[in-house]
Protein backbone atom coordinates (compact mmCIF):
# COMPACT_ATOMS: atom_id res chain seq x y z
CA MET A 1 -0.05 0.09 -0.05
CA ALA A 2 3.02 2.13 -0.41
CA GLY A 3 2.31 5.42 -2.26
CA CYS A 4 -1.37 6.21 -1.79
CA CYS A 5 -2.72 7.86 1.62
CA GLN A 6 -6.13 6.35 2.97
CA LYS A 7 -9.06 8.57 4.73
CA ALA A 8 -11.04 7.25 7.41
CA ARG A 9 -14.85 7.68 6.87
CA ARG A 10 -17.83 6.97 8.53
CA SER A 11 -21.04 5.87 5.75
CA ASP A 12 -23.61 4.96 7.69
CA GLN A 13 -25.69 3.75 4.04
CA ASP A 14 -22.71 1.04 3.81
CA PRO A 15 -21.08 0.16 7.13
CA ASN A 16 -18.56 -2.21 4.85
CA PHE A 17 -17.42 0.33 3.04
CA LEU A 18 -14.30 1.42 5.55
CA PHE A 19 -11.71 4.22 3.78
CA ARG A 20 -11.65 5.95 0.16
CA THR A 21 -8.29 6.60 -1.67
CA ALA A 22 -6.65 10.41 -1.03
CA MET A 23 -4.64 10.65 -3.75
CA THR A 24 -3.13 13.78 -2.35
CA PRO A 25 0.92 15.14 -2.79
CA ALA A 26 2.27 14.14 0.39
CA ASN A 27 3.86 17.97 2.02
CA SER A 28 7.29 18.26 3.45
CA SER A 29 6.40 16.32 6.79
CA GLY A 30 5.56 13.52 4.59
CA MET A 31 2.25 13.34 5.47
CA SER A 32 -0.80 15.22 3.74
CA ARG A 33 -3.03 17.43 5.67
CA SER A 34 -5.91 15.66 4.68
CA SER A 35 -5.31 12.08 4.29
CA LEU A 36 -3.74 9.38 5.96
CA ARG A 37 -1.20 6.55 5.14
CA VAL A 38 -1.83 3.81 6.76
CA SER A 39 0.24 0.14 6.53
CA VAL A 40 -1.64 -3.41 7.10
CA GLU A 41 -0.57 -5.41 9.88
CA ASN A 42 -1.03 -8.53 12.12
CA ILE A 43 -2.66 -10.81 9.26
CA ALA A 44 -2.66 -14.43 8.99
CA PRO A 45 -2.52 -15.14 6.14
CA ARG A 46 -1.44 -11.78 4.17
CA PRO A 47 -3.74 -10.71 1.13
CA ASN A 48 -2.80 -9.45 -1.91
CA CYS A 49 -3.04 -5.81 -1.40
CA ASP A 50 -2.28 -3.73 -4.09
CA HIS A 51 -4.69 -1.45 -4.20
CA PRO A 52 -7.14 -0.37 -1.24
CA ARG A 53 -10.46 -1.99 -2.50
CA ASP A 54 -8.56 -5.27 -2.47
CA LEU A 55 -8.86 -5.17 1.58
CA LEU A 56 -12.26 -5.53 1.46
CA SER A 57 -12.86 -9.22 0.43
CA VAL A 58 -10.64 -9.98 3.29
CA PRO A 59 -12.19 -11.52 6.37
CA ALA A 60 -12.28 -8.02 9.17
CA ASN A 61 -10.40 -10.30 11.78
CA HIS A 62 -7.66 -11.01 9.30
CA TRP A 63 -6.18 -7.90 9.08
CA ARG A 64 -5.26 -4.19 10.72
CA LEU A 65 -5.40 -1.15 9.19
CA VAL A 66 -2.17 1.08 11.37
CA VAL A 67 -1.87 4.54 10.42
CA GLU A 68 1.63 5.88 10.10
CA ALA A 69 3.33 8.92 9.99
CA TRP A 70 1.06 10.21 13.13
CA GLN A 71 4.16 11.75 15.07
CA PHE A 72 5.96 15.06 14.61
CA ARG A 73 9.42 16.52 15.10
CA ASN A 74 9.36 19.64 17.76
CA ASP A 75 9.82 21.91 14.94
CA GLN A 76 6.56 20.52 12.59
CA VAL A 77 4.45 21.85 14.89
CA ASP A 78 1.88 23.52 12.61
CA ASP A 79 1.84 20.41 10.32
CA ALA A 80 1.21 18.57 13.69
CA VAL A 81 -1.87 21.02 14.52
CA ALA A 82 -3.29 20.38 11.39
CA PHE A 83 -3.10 16.55 11.70
CA TYR A 84 -4.68 16.83 15.22
CA ARG A 85 -7.54 18.85 13.39
CA ASP A 86 -8.16 16.39 11.05
CA ASN A 87 -7.52 13.38 13.00
CA GLY A 88 -8.44 13.75 16.35
CA ALA A 89 -4.87 12.38 18.01
CA VAL A 90 -0.98 13.58 17.46
CA GLY A 91 2.28 12.74 18.96
CA PHE A 92 5.58 14.40 19.81
CA PRO A 93 8.06 11.28 20.36
CA ASP A 94 11.34 14.10 21.23
CA LEU A 95 9.40 16.94 23.06
CA LEU A 96 10.58 15.66 26.21
CA ASP A 97 14.43 14.30 26.44
CA GLU A 98 15.98 11.33 28.57
CA LYS A 99 16.42 13.75 31.36
CA ASP A 100 12.99 14.53 31.57
CA VAL A 101 12.36 10.84 31.30
CA LYS A 102 14.78 9.93 34.41
CA TYR A 103 13.12 12.84 36.42
CA LEU A 104 9.16 11.94 36.18
CA ASN A 105 10.34 8.26 37.31
CA SER A 106 12.35 9.38 39.74
CA ALA A 107 9.59 10.96 40.78
CA TYR A 108 7.19 8.47 40.08
CA ASP A 109 9.18 6.13 42.33
CA GLU A 110 9.33 8.30 45.28
CA ALA A 111 5.67 9.21 44.87
CA VAL A 112 4.84 4.86 45.00
CA ALA A 113 7.75 4.63 48.05
CA GLY A 114 5.94 7.68 50.00
CA GLY A 115 2.13 5.91 49.70
CA SER A 116 1.01 8.33 47.40
CA ILE A 117 1.00 6.74 44.11
CA ARG A 118 -1.48 3.11 44.59
CA LEU A 119 -0.60 0.27 42.28
CA ASP A 120 -2.72 -3.20 42.07
CA PRO A 121 -1.56 -6.07 39.90
CA GLU A 122 -4.99 -6.95 38.81
CA ALA A 123 -6.45 -3.59 38.11
CA MET A 124 -5.60 0.07 36.27
CA LEU A 125 -5.89 2.50 39.48
CA ALA A 126 -6.70 6.10 38.29
CA ASN A 127 -4.70 8.38 40.79
CA PRO A 128 -6.38 11.15 40.55
CA ASP A 129 -5.11 14.54 40.94
CA ALA A 130 -2.00 13.29 39.85
CA ILE A 131 0.02 16.82 39.85
CA TYR A 132 -0.87 17.07 43.85
CA ARG A 133 0.98 13.42 44.51
CA HIS A 134 4.52 15.09 43.70
CA PRO A 135 5.67 18.28 42.85
CA ALA A 136 7.24 16.94 39.32
CA PHE A 137 3.82 16.38 38.01
CA GLU A 138 2.47 19.77 38.38
CA GLU A 139 5.65 21.14 37.07
CA TYR A 140 5.52 19.08 33.75
CA CYS A 141 1.71 20.12 33.56
CA ARG A 142 2.92 23.64 33.35
CA ASP A 143 5.97 22.92 31.27
CA ASP A 144 5.90 25.21 28.16
CA ARG A 145 6.75 22.54 25.87
CA ILE A 146 3.90 20.97 26.58
CA VAL A 147 1.50 24.03 27.11
CA ASP A 148 2.61 25.87 23.96
CA ILE A 149 1.22 23.18 22.21
CA VAL A 150 -2.07 22.51 23.98
CA GLU A 151 -2.57 26.64 23.40
CA LYS A 152 -2.61 26.30 19.47
CA LEU A 153 -5.07 22.95 19.65
CA LEU A 154 -7.54 24.83 21.87
CA ASN A 155 -7.14 28.24 20.45
CA GLY A 156 -6.87 30.23 23.58
CA GLY A 157 -6.20 29.90 27.53
CA VAL A 158 -5.86 27.06 29.05
CA GLU A 159 -6.91 25.24 32.11
CA LEU A 160 -6.51 21.75 33.64
CA GLN A 161 -9.52 19.80 34.23
CA HIS A 162 -8.00 16.63 35.35
CA SER A 163 -5.11 15.04 36.12
CA LYS A 164 -4.39 11.23 36.61
CA LEU A 165 -1.65 8.02 36.82
CA ASN A 166 -2.48 5.37 35.15
CA ALA A 167 -0.37 1.80 35.44
CA LYS A 168 -1.60 -1.36 33.09
CA PRO A 169 -1.32 -4.59 35.50
CA GLY A 170 0.77 -6.79 33.68
CA SER A 171 0.12 -10.64 32.86
CA GLY A 172 -2.98 -10.15 30.88
CA ALA A 173 -5.12 -9.00 33.99
CA ALA A 174 -8.43 -8.25 32.47
CA GLY A 175 -8.33 -5.35 34.29
CA GLY A 176 -5.80 -3.69 31.91
CA THR A 177 -8.74 -3.37 29.46
CA VAL A 178 -10.13 -0.41 28.23
CA GLU A 179 -12.75 -0.73 25.89
CA TRP A 180 -13.77 1.76 22.90
CA HIS A 181 -15.05 5.36 24.59
CA GLN A 182 -14.90 9.39 24.04
CA ASP A 183 -13.67 11.15 27.02
CA TYR A 184 -16.47 13.92 26.83
CA PRO A 185 -19.40 11.54 28.23
CA PHE A 186 -17.72 10.89 31.37
CA PHE A 187 -17.11 15.01 31.82
CA ALA A 188 -19.49 16.68 29.58
CA HIS A 189 -18.25 20.74 29.06
CA THR A 190 -20.14 23.90 27.46
CA ASN A 191 -17.97 22.64 24.26
CA PHE A 192 -15.98 20.68 22.62
CA ASP A 193 -12.29 21.99 23.19
CA LEU A 194 -10.78 19.55 25.44
CA LEU A 195 -7.69 17.23 24.89
CA THR A 196 -6.30 14.37 26.94
CA CYS A 197 -2.27 15.07 27.34
CA THR A 198 -0.27 11.89 28.21
CA ILE A 199 3.37 11.50 28.82
CA HIS A 200 4.31 7.80 27.93
CA LEU A 201 6.51 7.37 31.10
CA ASP A 202 7.72 3.80 29.24
CA GLU A 203 8.92 2.43 26.11
CA GLU A 204 6.00 0.91 24.52
CA LYS A 205 4.73 -1.67 21.96
CA ILE A 206 2.27 -3.76 20.66
CA GLU A 207 2.18 -6.20 23.68
CA SER A 208 2.77 -3.13 25.94
CA GLY A 209 -1.16 -2.58 25.36
CA PRO A 210 -1.03 0.98 23.81
CA LEU A 211 -3.78 3.57 23.17
CA GLU A 212 -5.47 3.10 20.19
CA VAL A 213 -7.26 6.12 18.05
CA ILE A 214 -9.56 6.10 15.40
CA PRO A 215 -8.43 8.88 13.64
CA GLY A 216 -11.51 11.15 12.50
CA SER A 217 -13.68 9.70 15.13
CA HIS A 218 -13.51 13.35 16.20
CA LYS A 219 -16.13 14.59 13.96
CA ARG A 220 -18.92 12.34 14.45
CA GLY A 221 -20.23 13.82 17.54
CA ILE A 222 -21.03 12.40 21.16
CA GLU A 223 -21.21 8.55 20.56
CA PRO A 224 -23.85 6.58 22.21
CA HIS A 225 -22.63 4.98 25.52
CA GLU A 226 -25.60 3.20 27.16
CA ASP A 227 -27.00 0.41 27.28
CA GLU A 228 -31.00 -0.46 25.14
CA SER A 229 -32.43 0.78 28.93
CA GLY A 230 -30.86 3.74 28.86
CA LYS A 231 -27.91 3.49 31.90
CA PHE A 232 -24.69 4.71 31.21
CA VAL A 233 -22.25 2.00 30.48
CA TYR A 234 -18.63 3.64 30.26
CA HIS A 235 -17.98 2.31 26.59
CA TYR A 236 -18.92 3.22 23.49
CA THR A 237 -22.04 1.19 22.01
CA GLY A 238 -22.78 1.88 18.94
CA PRO A 239 -22.16 0.31 15.33
CA SER A 240 -18.77 -2.45 15.28
CA LEU A 241 -15.28 -0.39 14.76
CA GLU A 242 -13.70 -3.10 13.94
CA GLY A 243 -11.70 -3.15 10.85
CA ARG A 244 -11.65 0.82 10.91
CA PRO A 245 -8.08 2.15 10.61
CA SER A 246 -6.36 3.73 13.64
CA ILE A 247 -3.58 5.15 15.14
CA LEU A 248 -1.69 2.53 17.72
CA MET A 249 0.34 4.71 20.14
CA THR A 250 3.19 3.11 20.16
CA GLY A 251 7.08 4.19 20.70
CA LYS A 252 9.62 5.49 23.55
CA ALA A 253 9.77 6.48 27.02
CA GLY A 254 9.41 10.55 27.19
CA GLN A 255 6.44 10.52 24.11
CA VAL A 256 3.53 12.67 24.54
CA THR A 257 0.66 12.53 22.55
CA MET A 258 -2.64 14.14 22.50
CA HIS A 259 -6.19 13.17 21.20
CA HIS A 260 -9.49 15.23 21.37
CA VAL A 261 -12.11 14.50 23.50
CA LEU A 262 -14.69 13.69 20.96
CA SER A 263 -11.83 10.76 19.60
CA LEU A 264 -13.04 7.14 20.24
CA HIS A 265 -10.31 5.18 22.00
CA ARG A 266 -9.33 1.89 23.71
CA SER A 267 -6.10 -0.33 24.99
CA ALA A 268 -6.00 -3.90 25.21
CA PRO A 269 -4.55 -5.33 28.50
CA ARG A 270 -0.41 -5.42 29.08
CA ARG A 271 1.42 -8.75 27.66
CA SER A 272 4.87 -7.77 28.43
CA ALA A 273 7.09 -7.99 31.10
CA THR A 274 7.79 -4.13 31.19
CA GLN A 275 5.84 -1.84 32.51
CA ARG A 276 3.05 0.40 30.98
CA ARG A 277 2.63 4.03 32.95
CA HIS A 278 0.83 7.05 31.72
CA LEU A 279 1.00 10.25 33.40
CA ILE A 280 -2.48 12.45 31.74
CA PHE A 281 -3.27 16.00 32.30
CA GLU A 282 -6.78 16.58 30.89
CA TYR A 283 -6.64 19.96 29.62
CA ARG A 284 -9.69 22.34 28.72
CA ALA A 285 -10.20 26.00 27.02
CA GLU A 286 -10.55 28.70 29.99
CA ASP A 287 -13.99 29.14 28.37
CA SER A 288 -15.24 25.49 28.08
CA VAL A 289 -17.18 24.90 31.56
CA GLN A 290 -18.16 21.35 33.41
CA ILE A 291 -21.67 20.40 33.23
CA SER A 292 -21.98 16.79 34.72
CA GLY A 293 -19.68 14.23 35.63
CA VAL A 294 -16.89 14.01 38.57
CA VAL A 295 -15.28 17.38 39.55
CA THR A 296 -11.66 16.82 41.04
CA LYS A 297 -9.37 19.36 43.46
CA CYS A 298 -7.49 20.32 40.24
CA ALA A 299 -10.20 21.07 38.03
CA GLY A 300 -10.07 24.63 36.97
CA LEU A 301 -6.52 25.16 37.67
CA THR A 302 -5.27 27.60 35.60
CA ILE A 303 -2.34 26.97 33.44
CA ARG A 304 -2.40 30.08 31.08
CA ASP A 305 -4.68 32.82 31.68
CA ARG A 306 -5.96 34.91 27.85
CA GLY A 307 -9.17 36.64 29.32
CA LYS A 308 -11.77 34.12 28.96
CA ARG A 309 -11.64 32.95 32.58
CA GLY A 310 -15.10 33.83 33.85
CA TYR A 311 -17.36 32.90 30.45
CA ALA A 312 -18.76 29.57 29.22
CA ARG A 313 -18.77 29.50 25.66
CA PHE A 314 -21.65 26.88 24.15
CA MET A 315 -21.69 24.67 21.27
CA ASP A 316 -23.54 27.64 19.45
CA GLY A 317 -20.37 29.99 19.66
CA THR A 318 -22.69 31.63 21.96
CA SER A 319 -20.70 33.32 25.25
CA VAL A 320 -21.98 33.49 28.24
CA ARG A 321 -20.23 36.17 31.77
CA LEU A 322 -20.43 34.24 34.92
CA ARG A 323 -21.72 35.68 37.82
CA GLY A 324 -19.92 32.67 39.74
CA ASN A 325 -20.71 29.09 41.28
CA LEU A 326 -24.51 27.63 42.01
CA ILE A 327 -25.55 28.27 45.06
CA ASP A 328 -28.73 27.01 46.11
CA LEU A 329 -28.68 28.34 50.17
CA HIS A 330 -32.02 27.10 51.06
CA ARG A 331 -32.26 23.78 48.93
CA LYS A 332 -35.12 24.61 47.14
CA PHE A 333 -33.87 23.08 44.29
CA ALA A 334 -32.83 19.98 45.85
CA PRO A 335 -34.01 16.63 43.95
CA ASP A 336 -35.90 14.37 46.29
CA ARG A 337 -34.54 12.22 48.26
């Protein structure tokens, strides 16, 4: 499939239509801003893939379409921003260096030894409010190398919505499985200007259980996460996503990745002997106001003030000045117990 670029596309009329060929010239970064280059991996047996349409006759469980060239150099921020806008995810393998990785891993070890980070051999504990578990984590939450890019992606001032530390349990433990989901349904806001920034503390390969993101899924809107009774079940419940191209966020220790709050993503259990730990910062635009979900201690922490704090911007662009927090002194509006 070398020499042509593929673009993921949703089609409710034809669910078997996976993607279309976009014969678009590549830019200087090697990646077209409006198309994706994909490769075929983990195929048994490997089909003849001289043309993308050849894949349509191959059983979905015999292959995986993996998006290439989703990682960008530090001097390719403009290309990275364009890629993110189109695909809802992006990676920077060299934004942090070896000294950063060593410093963060040392901080992690200190936090574990001191009891501020909890681990479970059978489950992936979130360890929320990570920035308060070691001073180094808040330091990197505010790191200009990261925040400069986040500000471009969010088009303005930046707040923290939450922070956490995830460590995958080993040996294929079921607790390490994260099913397809969007982040937005877990903490809805007045607009969609939120993103997850992940610092990968360890080298990650396929067997590490890396993040897997469906490119372009952030443009589909809010997806269902409820069962037939309407109960929220904490994962995507729409049509099957098998066979769709995906970004597998493998890479070296210290890689920084970002994905949109509406991007569908998942991760498999860790089957490697090495650790798979993520330091996660959920950033939001300073005029994106939370309207549901869990609120942690670090929610609303100012990272970069651009004069929009105290406003709520809605989906249609309407911006409202906020008087303050909701106050129900006499519990007149409290629901019946």
